[in-house]
Amino acid sequence: MEISHSVTSIPYEKLTELFVKKSEGLYILQPSIGNGSVQIFPLARGLETRFWNCNFNQEIELYGNVSPDIKNRYFTLACFLDTSGLRIYSSETSLTQNFVWNTMFISAKSNYKMYIPPSTNGQCISISFTKTWLHQNILEPNAAFHHLKEQVKTIDSFSLLGEMNASQKKAVAELLNASWKKSLGTFYIKSSVLKIISDFLYKIKERDSAGIHHLCLEKEVPELKKYTE
């Protein structure tokens, strides 16, 4: 796909640099770029979630970082309420517009980019974690995920797409609009985030017959779709 020369191109992990800090954990999008906010919740050592609710008035292109800081954020699972207008692509291929997806699991070195056109209303929860956190809290304690542990060790760059069911999407919507649940604070957020991660990885486990690297975007898009149906 062709991108105009006026696009703002920035690594996934540095998107918050387009926002200005308003208070602890709350950042407001620069008015020259759009409107909206992102809330950042550090949940544990190596685990963080961000609640995005913003509208860009410029073209934005997000891309992976070839030299990420693995001590901070290495993997990101993003859950979108609406992916209308968003485009996922690499130098070789792009995702067809009729392909249904609303979750994306990427490594920091992913070679797939995301294009956000102007006036796109973005409501999304992104969950980022390090390799260490993933191994210690998800892969090591759960025997069901041991095959993923070996694959994650050997694959640095990948992107996995999926689709939330109705109850999972409802849970994400409740998190994004959970001002009435502030009394539970980060405990409620952390428990919900852990369930989102677990549900997504179980879906990979149930559909995985070839290996995690075969779930990334391919030129033959229908080959990928079987993993998300």
C-alpha atoms as a PDB file:
ATOM      1  CA  MET A   1       0.000   0.000   0.000  1.00  0.00           C
ATOM      2  CA  GLU A   2       1.099   3.563  -0.660  1.00  0.00           C
ATOM      3  CA  ILE A   3       1.597   5.991   2.221  1.00  0.00           C
ATOM      4  CA  SER A   4       1.679   9.749   1.676  1.00  0.00           C
ATOM      5  CA  HIS A   5       4.772  11.777   2.498  1.00  0.00           C
ATOM      6  CA  SER A   6       2.874  13.681   5.230  1.00  0.00           C
ATOM      7  CA  VAL A   7       2.450  10.621   7.436  1.00  0.00           C
ATOM      8  CA  THR A   8       3.831  10.678  10.990  1.00  0.00           C
ATOM      9  CA  SER A   9       5.926   7.525  11.306  1.00  0.00           C
ATOM     10  CA  ILE A  10       6.837   6.314  14.810  1.00  0.00           C
ATOM     11  CA  PRO A  11       7.677   2.999  16.564  1.00  0.00           C
ATOM     12  CA  TYR A  12       4.776   1.301  18.374  1.00  0.00           C
ATOM     13  CA  GLU A  13       6.498   1.715  21.717  1.00  0.00           C
ATOM     14  CA  LYS A  14       6.974   5.475  21.273  1.00  0.00           C
ATOM     15  CA  LEU A  15       3.421   6.399  20.336  1.00  0.00           C
ATOM     16  CA  THR A  16       2.958   8.022  23.751  1.00  0.00           C
ATOM     17  CA  GLU A  17       5.557  10.640  22.754  1.00  0.00           C
ATOM     18  CA  LEU A  18       2.742  12.280  20.771  1.00  0.00           C
ATOM     19  CA  PHE A  19       0.916  12.850  24.090  1.00  0.00           C
ATOM     20  CA  VAL A  20       1.513  15.367  26.892  1.00  0.00           C
ATOM     21  CA  LYS A  21       1.434  14.329  30.547  1.00  0.00           C
ATOM     22  CA  LYS A  22      -1.546  15.793  32.396  1.00  0.00           C
ATOM     23  CA  SER A  23      -1.325  13.852  35.649  1.00  0.00           C
ATOM     24  CA  GLU A  24       0.190  10.638  36.979  1.00  0.00           C
ATOM     25  CA  GLY A  25      -0.652   7.961  34.436  1.00  0.00           C
ATOM     26  CA  LEU A  26      -2.800  10.226  32.228  1.00  0.00           C
ATOM     27  CA  TYR A  27      -1.546  11.691  28.944  1.00  0.00           C
ATOM     28  CA  ILE A  28      -3.420  13.965  26.516  1.00  0.00           C
ATOM     29  CA  LEU A  29      -2.854  13.885  22.757  1.00  0.00           C
ATOM     30  CA  GLN A  30      -1.162  17.007  21.407  1.00  0.00           C
ATOM     31  CA  PRO A  31      -3.877  19.257  19.876  1.00  0.00           C
ATOM     32  CA  SER A  32      -1.892  19.638  16.647  1.00  0.00           C
ATOM     33  CA  ILE A  33      -2.112  15.868  16.152  1.00  0.00           C
ATOM     34  CA  GLY A  34      -5.646  15.162  17.366  1.00  0.00           C
ATOM     35  CA  ASN A  35      -7.664  14.794  20.527  1.00  0.00           C
ATOM     36  CA  GLY A  36      -8.041  12.157  23.182  1.00  0.00           C
ATOM     37  CA  SER A  37      -5.994  10.479  25.864  1.00  0.00           C
ATOM     38  CA  VAL A  38      -4.102   7.417  27.018  1.00  0.00           C
ATOM     39  CA  GLN A  39      -4.048   6.073  30.572  1.00  0.00           C
ATOM     40  CA  ILE A  40      -1.039   4.030  31.659  1.00  0.00           C
ATOM     41  CA  PHE A  41      -1.260   1.423  34.424  1.00  0.00           C
ATOM     42  CA  PRO A  42       1.931  -0.322  35.631  1.00  0.00           C
ATOM     43  CA  LEU A  43       0.545  -3.595  36.998  1.00  0.00           C
ATOM     44  CA  ALA A  44       3.667  -5.543  37.954  1.00  0.00           C
ATOM     45  CA  ARG A  45       7.361  -5.687  37.227  1.00  0.00           C
ATOM     46  CA  GLY A  46       7.480  -6.231  33.474  1.00  0.00           C
ATOM     47  CA  LEU A  47       3.705  -5.828  32.927  1.00  0.00           C
ATOM     48  CA  GLU A  48       1.859  -2.688  31.866  1.00  0.00           C
ATOM     49  CA  THR A  49      -1.450  -1.841  30.229  1.00  0.00           C
ATOM     50  CA  ARG A  50      -2.553   1.278  28.386  1.00  0.00           C
ATOM     51  CA  PHE A  51      -6.092   2.466  27.696  1.00  0.00           C
ATOM     52  CA  TRP A  52      -6.307   4.434  24.442  1.00  0.00           C
ATOM     53  CA  ASN A  53      -9.212   6.662  23.481  1.00  0.00           C
ATOM     54  CA  CYS A  54      -8.149   9.114  20.815  1.00  0.00           C
ATOM     55  CA  ASN A  55      -8.751  10.497  17.347  1.00  0.00           C
ATOM     56  CA  PHE A  56      -5.813  11.505  15.135  1.00  0.00           C
ATOM     57  CA  ASN A  57      -6.215  14.289  12.579  1.00  0.00           C
ATOM     58  CA  GLN A  58      -2.996  13.213  10.863  1.00  0.00           C
ATOM     59  CA  GLU A  59      -1.913  10.023   9.127  1.00  0.00           C
ATOM     60  CA  ILE A  60      -0.016   7.796  11.572  1.00  0.00           C
ATOM     61  CA  GLU A  61       2.228   4.855  10.713  1.00  0.00           C
ATOM     62  CA  LEU A  62       3.412   2.575  13.519  1.00  0.00           C
ATOM     63  CA  TYR A  63       6.299   0.166  13.051  1.00  0.00           C
ATOM     64  CA  GLY A  64       8.443  -2.289  15.017  1.00  0.00           C
ATOM     65  CA  ASN A  65      11.790  -1.390  16.526  1.00  0.00           C
ATOM     66  CA  VAL A  66      14.776  -3.432  15.303  1.00  0.00           C
ATOM     67  CA  SER A  67      16.604  -2.757  18.590  1.00  0.00           C
ATOM     68  CA  PRO A  68      13.936  -2.759  21.320  1.00  0.00           C
ATOM     69  CA  ASP A  69      14.716  -2.409  24.999  1.00  0.00           C
ATOM     70  CA  ILE A  70      13.762  -5.920  26.098  1.00  0.00           C
ATOM     71  CA  LYS A  71      14.004  -4.905  29.753  1.00  0.00           C
ATOM     72  CA  ASN A  72      10.909  -2.756  29.276  1.00  0.00           C
ATOM     73  CA  ARG A  73       8.212  -3.704  26.749  1.00  0.00           C
ATOM     74  CA  TYR A  74       8.875  -6.581  24.358  1.00  0.00           C
ATOM     75  CA  PHE A  75       5.492  -8.141  23.568  1.00  0.00           C
ATOM     76  CA  THR A  76       2.235  -6.258  23.106  1.00  0.00           C
ATOM     77  CA  LEU A  77      -1.296  -7.611  22.887  1.00  0.00           C
ATOM     78  CA  ALA A  78      -3.687  -4.964  21.567  1.00  0.00           C
ATOM     79  CA  CYS A  79      -7.483  -5.332  21.719  1.00  0.00           C
ATOM     80  CA  PHE A  80      -9.572  -2.939  19.612  1.00  0.00           C
ATOM     81  CA  LEU A  81     -13.257  -2.140  19.900  1.00  0.00           C
ATOM     82  CA  ASP A  82     -13.245  -1.111  16.242  1.00  0.00           C
ATOM     83  CA  THR A  83     -10.578  -1.663  13.565  1.00  0.00           C
ATOM     84  CA  SER A  84     -12.356   0.298  10.826  1.00  0.00           C
ATOM     85  CA  GLY A  85      -9.781   2.211   8.797  1.00  0.00           C
ATOM     86  CA  LEU A  86      -6.752   0.470  10.298  1.00  0.00           C
ATOM     87  CA  ARG A  87      -4.385  -1.275   7.874  1.00  0.00           C
ATOM     88  CA  ILE A  88      -1.748  -3.904   8.674  1.00  0.00           C
ATOM     89  CA  TYR A  89       1.013  -4.423   6.110  1.00  0.00           C
ATOM     90  CA  SER A  90       4.694  -5.092   5.454  1.00  0.00           C
ATOM     91  CA  SER A  91       6.951  -4.367   2.506  1.00  0.00           C
ATOM     92  CA  GLU A  92       5.644  -7.520   0.802  1.00  0.00           C
ATOM     93  CA  THR A  93       1.950  -7.722   1.583  1.00  0.00           C
ATOM     94  CA  SER A  94      -0.988  -6.077   3.287  1.00  0.00           C
ATOM     95  CA  LEU A  95      -4.084  -7.408   4.988  1.00  0.00           C
ATOM     96  CA  THR A  96      -7.201  -7.381   2.821  1.00  0.00           C
ATOM     97  CA  GLN A  97      -9.937  -5.028   3.968  1.00  0.00           C
ATOM     98  CA  ASN A  98     -12.502  -7.828   4.347  1.00  0.00           C
ATOM     99  CA  PHE A  99     -10.358  -9.793   6.807  1.00  0.00           C
ATOM    100  CA  VAL A 100     -11.967  -9.586  10.258  1.00  0.00           C
ATOM    101  CA  TRP A 101      -9.695  -9.006  13.257  1.00  0.00           C
ATOM    102  CA  ASN A 102      -9.696  -6.987  16.472  1.00  0.00           C
ATOM    103  CA  THR A 103      -6.707  -8.331  18.390  1.00  0.00           C
ATOM    104  CA  MET A 104      -3.035  -8.133  17.492  1.00  0.00           C
ATOM    105  CA  PHE A 105      -0.154  -9.793  19.338  1.00  0.00           C
ATOM    106  CA  ILE A 106       3.227  -8.486  18.203  1.00  0.00           C
ATOM    107  CA  SER A 107       6.839  -8.636  19.226  1.00  0.00           C
ATOM    108  CA  ALA A 108       8.783  -5.400  19.475  1.00  0.00           C
ATOM    109  CA  LYS A 109      10.755  -6.438  16.380  1.00  0.00           C
ATOM    110  CA  SER A 110       7.699  -7.155  14.265  1.00  0.00           C
ATOM    111  CA  ASN A 111       8.180  -6.180  10.629  1.00  0.00           C
ATOM    112  CA  TYR A 112       4.476  -5.447  10.217  1.00  0.00           C
ATOM    113  CA  LYS A 113       3.295  -1.867  10.310  1.00  0.00           C
ATOM    114  CA  MET A 114      -0.034  -0.308  11.189  1.00  0.00           C
ATOM    115  CA  TYR A 115      -1.498   2.580   9.238  1.00  0.00           C
ATOM    116  CA  ILE A 116      -4.022   4.849  10.982  1.00  0.00           C
ATOM    117  CA  PRO A 117      -5.793   7.251   8.605  1.00  0.00           C
ATOM    118  CA  PRO A 118      -6.987  10.714   9.732  1.00  0.00           C
ATOM    119  CA  SER A 119     -10.239  10.913  11.730  1.00  0.00           C
ATOM    120  CA  THR A 120      -9.951   7.305  12.905  1.00  0.00           C
ATOM    121  CA  ASN A 121     -11.554   6.891  16.322  1.00  0.00           C
ATOM    122  CA  GLY A 122      -9.242   4.606  18.262  1.00  0.00           C
ATOM    123  CA  GLN A 123     -10.458   2.767  21.357  1.00  0.00           C
ATOM    124  CA  CYS A 124      -7.972   0.135  22.352  1.00  0.00           C
ATOM    125  CA  ILE A 125      -6.365  -1.627  25.283  1.00  0.00           C
ATOM    126  CA  SER A 126      -2.702  -2.507  24.813  1.00  0.00           C
ATOM    127  CA  ILE A 127      -0.994  -4.911  27.205  1.00  0.00           C
ATOM    128  CA  SER A 128       2.791  -4.927  27.116  1.00  0.00           C
ATOM    129  CA  PHE A 129       5.170  -7.269  28.883  1.00  0.00           C
ATOM    130  CA  THR A 130       8.741  -8.467  28.841  1.00  0.00           C
ATOM    131  CA  LYS A 131      10.011 -11.905  27.894  1.00  0.00           C
ATOM    132  CA  THR A 132      10.880 -12.492  31.544  1.00  0.00           C
ATOM    133  CA  TRP A 133       7.351 -11.699  32.749  1.00  0.00           C
ATOM    134  CA  LEU A 134       5.795 -13.889  30.059  1.00  0.00           C
ATOM    135  CA  HIS A 135       7.971 -16.871  30.962  1.00  0.00           C
ATOM    136  CA  GLN A 136       7.684 -16.526  34.746  1.00  0.00           C
ATOM    137  CA  ASN A 137       3.954 -15.806  34.956  1.00  0.00           C
ATOM    138  CA  ILE A 138       2.353 -17.515  31.951  1.00  0.00           C
ATOM    139  CA  LEU A 139       4.562 -20.030  30.167  1.00  0.00           C
ATOM    140  CA  GLU A 140       6.469 -21.664  33.026  1.00  0.00           C
ATOM    141  CA  PRO A 141       3.562 -22.225  35.488  1.00  0.00           C
ATOM    142  CA  ASN A 142       1.183 -23.522  32.820  1.00  0.00           C
ATOM    143  CA  ALA A 143       2.112 -26.798  31.143  1.00  0.00           C
ATOM    144  CA  ALA A 144      -0.407 -26.116  28.377  1.00  0.00           C
ATOM    145  CA  PHE A 145       1.814 -23.310  27.100  1.00  0.00           C
ATOM    146  CA  HIS A 146       5.183 -25.099  27.157  1.00  0.00           C
ATOM    147  CA  HIS A 147       5.183 -25.510  23.377  1.00  0.00           C
ATOM    148  CA  LEU A 148       4.756 -21.740  23.018  1.00  0.00           C
ATOM    149  CA  LYS A 149       7.693 -21.194  25.363  1.00  0.00           C
ATOM    150  CA  GLU A 150      10.069 -22.959  23.004  1.00  0.00           C
ATOM    151  CA  GLN A 151       8.751 -21.099  19.977  1.00  0.00           C
ATOM    152  CA  VAL A 152       8.957 -17.699  21.637  1.00  0.00           C
ATOM    153  CA  LYS A 153      12.618 -18.413  22.454  1.00  0.00           C
ATOM    154  CA  THR A 154      13.516 -18.865  18.808  1.00  0.00           C
ATOM    155  CA  ILE A 155      11.293 -16.307  17.064  1.00  0.00           C
ATOM    156  CA  ASP A 156      12.086 -12.626  17.502  1.00  0.00           C
ATOM    157  CA  SER A 157       9.737 -11.088  14.956  1.00  0.00           C
ATOM    158  CA  PHE A 158       6.113 -12.075  14.554  1.00  0.00           C
ATOM    159  CA  SER A 159       2.579 -10.690  14.427  1.00  0.00           C
ATOM    160  CA  LEU A 160      -0.515 -12.704  15.344  1.00  0.00           C
ATOM    161  CA  LEU A 161      -4.050 -11.586  14.568  1.00  0.00           C
ATOM    162  CA  GLY A 162      -7.254 -12.826  16.136  1.00  0.00           C
ATOM    163  CA  GLU A 163     -10.857 -11.988  16.850  1.00  0.00           C
ATOM    164  CA  MET A 164     -12.466 -11.597  20.259  1.00  0.00           C
ATOM    165  CA  ASN A 165     -15.791 -13.255  20.926  1.00  0.00           C
ATOM    166  CA  ALA A 166     -18.720 -11.208  22.243  1.00  0.00           C
ATOM    167  CA  SER A 167     -17.922 -11.724  25.947  1.00  0.00           C
ATOM    168  CA  GLN A 168     -14.239 -10.872  25.482  1.00  0.00           C
ATOM    169  CA  LYS A 169     -15.116  -7.715  23.564  1.00  0.00           C
ATOM    170  CA  LYS A 170     -17.568  -6.762  26.314  1.00  0.00           C
ATOM    171  CA  ALA A 171     -14.812  -7.168  28.918  1.00  0.00           C
ATOM    172  CA  VAL A 172     -12.526  -4.827  26.950  1.00  0.00           C
ATOM    173  CA  ALA A 173     -15.342  -2.261  26.609  1.00  0.00           C
ATOM    174  CA  GLU A 174     -15.955  -2.420  30.366  1.00  0.00           C
ATOM    175  CA  LEU A 175     -12.285  -1.793  31.067  1.00  0.00           C
ATOM    176  CA  LEU A 176     -12.260   1.236  28.782  1.00  0.00           C
ATOM    177  CA  ASN A 177     -15.364   2.628  30.495  1.00  0.00           C
ATOM    178  CA  ALA A 178     -14.693   1.511  34.050  1.00  0.00           C
ATOM    179  CA  SER A 179     -14.724   4.848  35.881  1.00  0.00           C
ATOM    180  CA  TRP A 180     -17.487   3.447  38.114  1.00  0.00           C
ATOM    181  CA  LYS A 181     -15.163   0.598  39.167  1.00  0.00           C
ATOM    182  CA  LYS A 182     -12.346   2.779  40.441  1.00  0.00           C
ATOM    183  CA  SER A 183     -12.937   1.478  43.962  1.00  0.00           C
ATOM    184  CA  LEU A 184     -11.345  -1.796  42.841  1.00  0.00           C
ATOM    185  CA  GLY A 185      -8.393   0.059  41.332  1.00  0.00           C
ATOM    186  CA  THR A 186      -5.555  -1.798  39.697  1.00  0.00           C
ATOM    187  CA  PHE A 187      -6.658  -5.131  41.218  1.00  0.00           C
ATOM    188  CA  TYR A 188      -9.686  -5.191  38.917  1.00  0.00           C
ATOM    189  CA  ILE A 189      -7.599  -4.044  35.950  1.00  0.00           C
ATOM    190  CA  LYS A 190      -4.829  -6.584  36.579  1.00  0.00           C
ATOM    191  CA  SER A 191      -7.187  -9.542  36.963  1.00  0.00           C
ATOM    192  CA  SER A 192      -9.005  -8.555  33.759  1.00  0.00           C
ATOM    193  CA  VAL A 193      -5.737  -8.101  31.868  1.00  0.00           C
ATOM    194  CA  LEU A 194      -4.439 -11.509  32.949  1.00  0.00           C
ATOM    195  CA  LYS A 195      -7.648 -13.139  31.716  1.00  0.00           C
ATOM    196  CA  ILE A 196      -7.361 -11.353  28.357  1.00  0.00           C
ATOM    197  CA  ILE A 197      -3.793 -12.620  27.908  1.00  0.00           C
ATOM    198  CA  SER A 198      -4.726 -16.143  28.985  1.00  0.00           C
ATOM    199  CA  ASP A 199      -7.762 -16.297  26.681  1.00  0.00           C
ATOM    200  CA  PHE A 200      -5.691 -15.151  23.706  1.00  0.00           C
ATOM    201  CA  LEU A 201      -2.892 -17.658  24.317  1.00  0.00           C
ATOM    202  CA  TYR A 202      -5.379 -20.503  24.799  1.00  0.00           C
ATOM    203  CA  LYS A 203      -6.890 -19.611  21.445  1.00  0.00           C
ATOM    204  CA  ILE A 204      -3.427 -19.895  19.878  1.00  0.00           C
ATOM    205  CA  LYS A 205      -2.901 -23.244  21.611  1.00  0.00           C
ATOM    206  CA  GLU A 206      -6.214 -24.606  20.350  1.00  0.00           C
ATOM    207  CA  ARG A 207      -5.542 -23.557  16.752  1.00  0.00           C
ATOM    208  CA  ASP A 208      -1.790 -24.067  16.619  1.00  0.00           C
ATOM    209  CA  SER A 209      -0.855 -26.931  14.324  1.00  0.00           C
ATOM    210  CA  ALA A 210       2.133 -25.481  12.486  1.00  0.00           C
ATOM    211  CA  GLY A 211       3.966 -23.174  14.878  1.00  0.00           C
ATOM    212  CA  ILE A 212       3.666 -19.627  16.042  1.00  0.00           C
ATOM    213  CA  HIS A 213       5.599 -18.175  13.087  1.00  0.00           C
ATOM    214  CA  HIS A 214       3.032 -19.579  10.652  1.00  0.00           C
ATOM    215  CA  LEU A 215       0.333 -17.507  12.321  1.00  0.00           C
ATOM    216  CA  CYS A 216       1.842 -14.248  11.169  1.00  0.00           C
ATOM    217  CA  LEU A 217       0.493 -12.407   8.167  1.00  0.00           C
ATOM    218  CA  GLU A 218       1.085 -14.175   4.892  1.00  0.00           C
ATOM    219  CA  LYS A 219       0.393 -13.371   1.248  1.00  0.00           C
ATOM    220  CA  GLU A 220      -2.249 -16.104   1.305  1.00  0.00           C
ATOM    221  CA  VAL A 221      -4.590 -14.399   3.749  1.00  0.00           C
ATOM    222  CA  PRO A 222      -7.200 -17.242   3.801  1.00  0.00           C
ATOM    223  CA  GLU A 223      -4.490 -19.512   5.253  1.00  0.00           C
ATOM    224  CA  LEU A 224      -4.357 -17.260   8.296  1.00  0.00           C
ATOM    225  CA  LYS A 225      -8.099 -16.925   8.715  1.00  0.00           C
ATOM    226  CA  LYS A 226      -8.576 -20.493   9.911  1.00  0.00           C
ATOM    227  CA  TYR A 227      -6.749 -19.587  13.129  1.00  0.00           C
ATOM    228  CA  THR A 228      -9.176 -16.823  14.019  1.00  0.00           C
ATOM    229  CA  GLU A 229     -12.537 -18.344  13.140  1.00  0.00           C
END
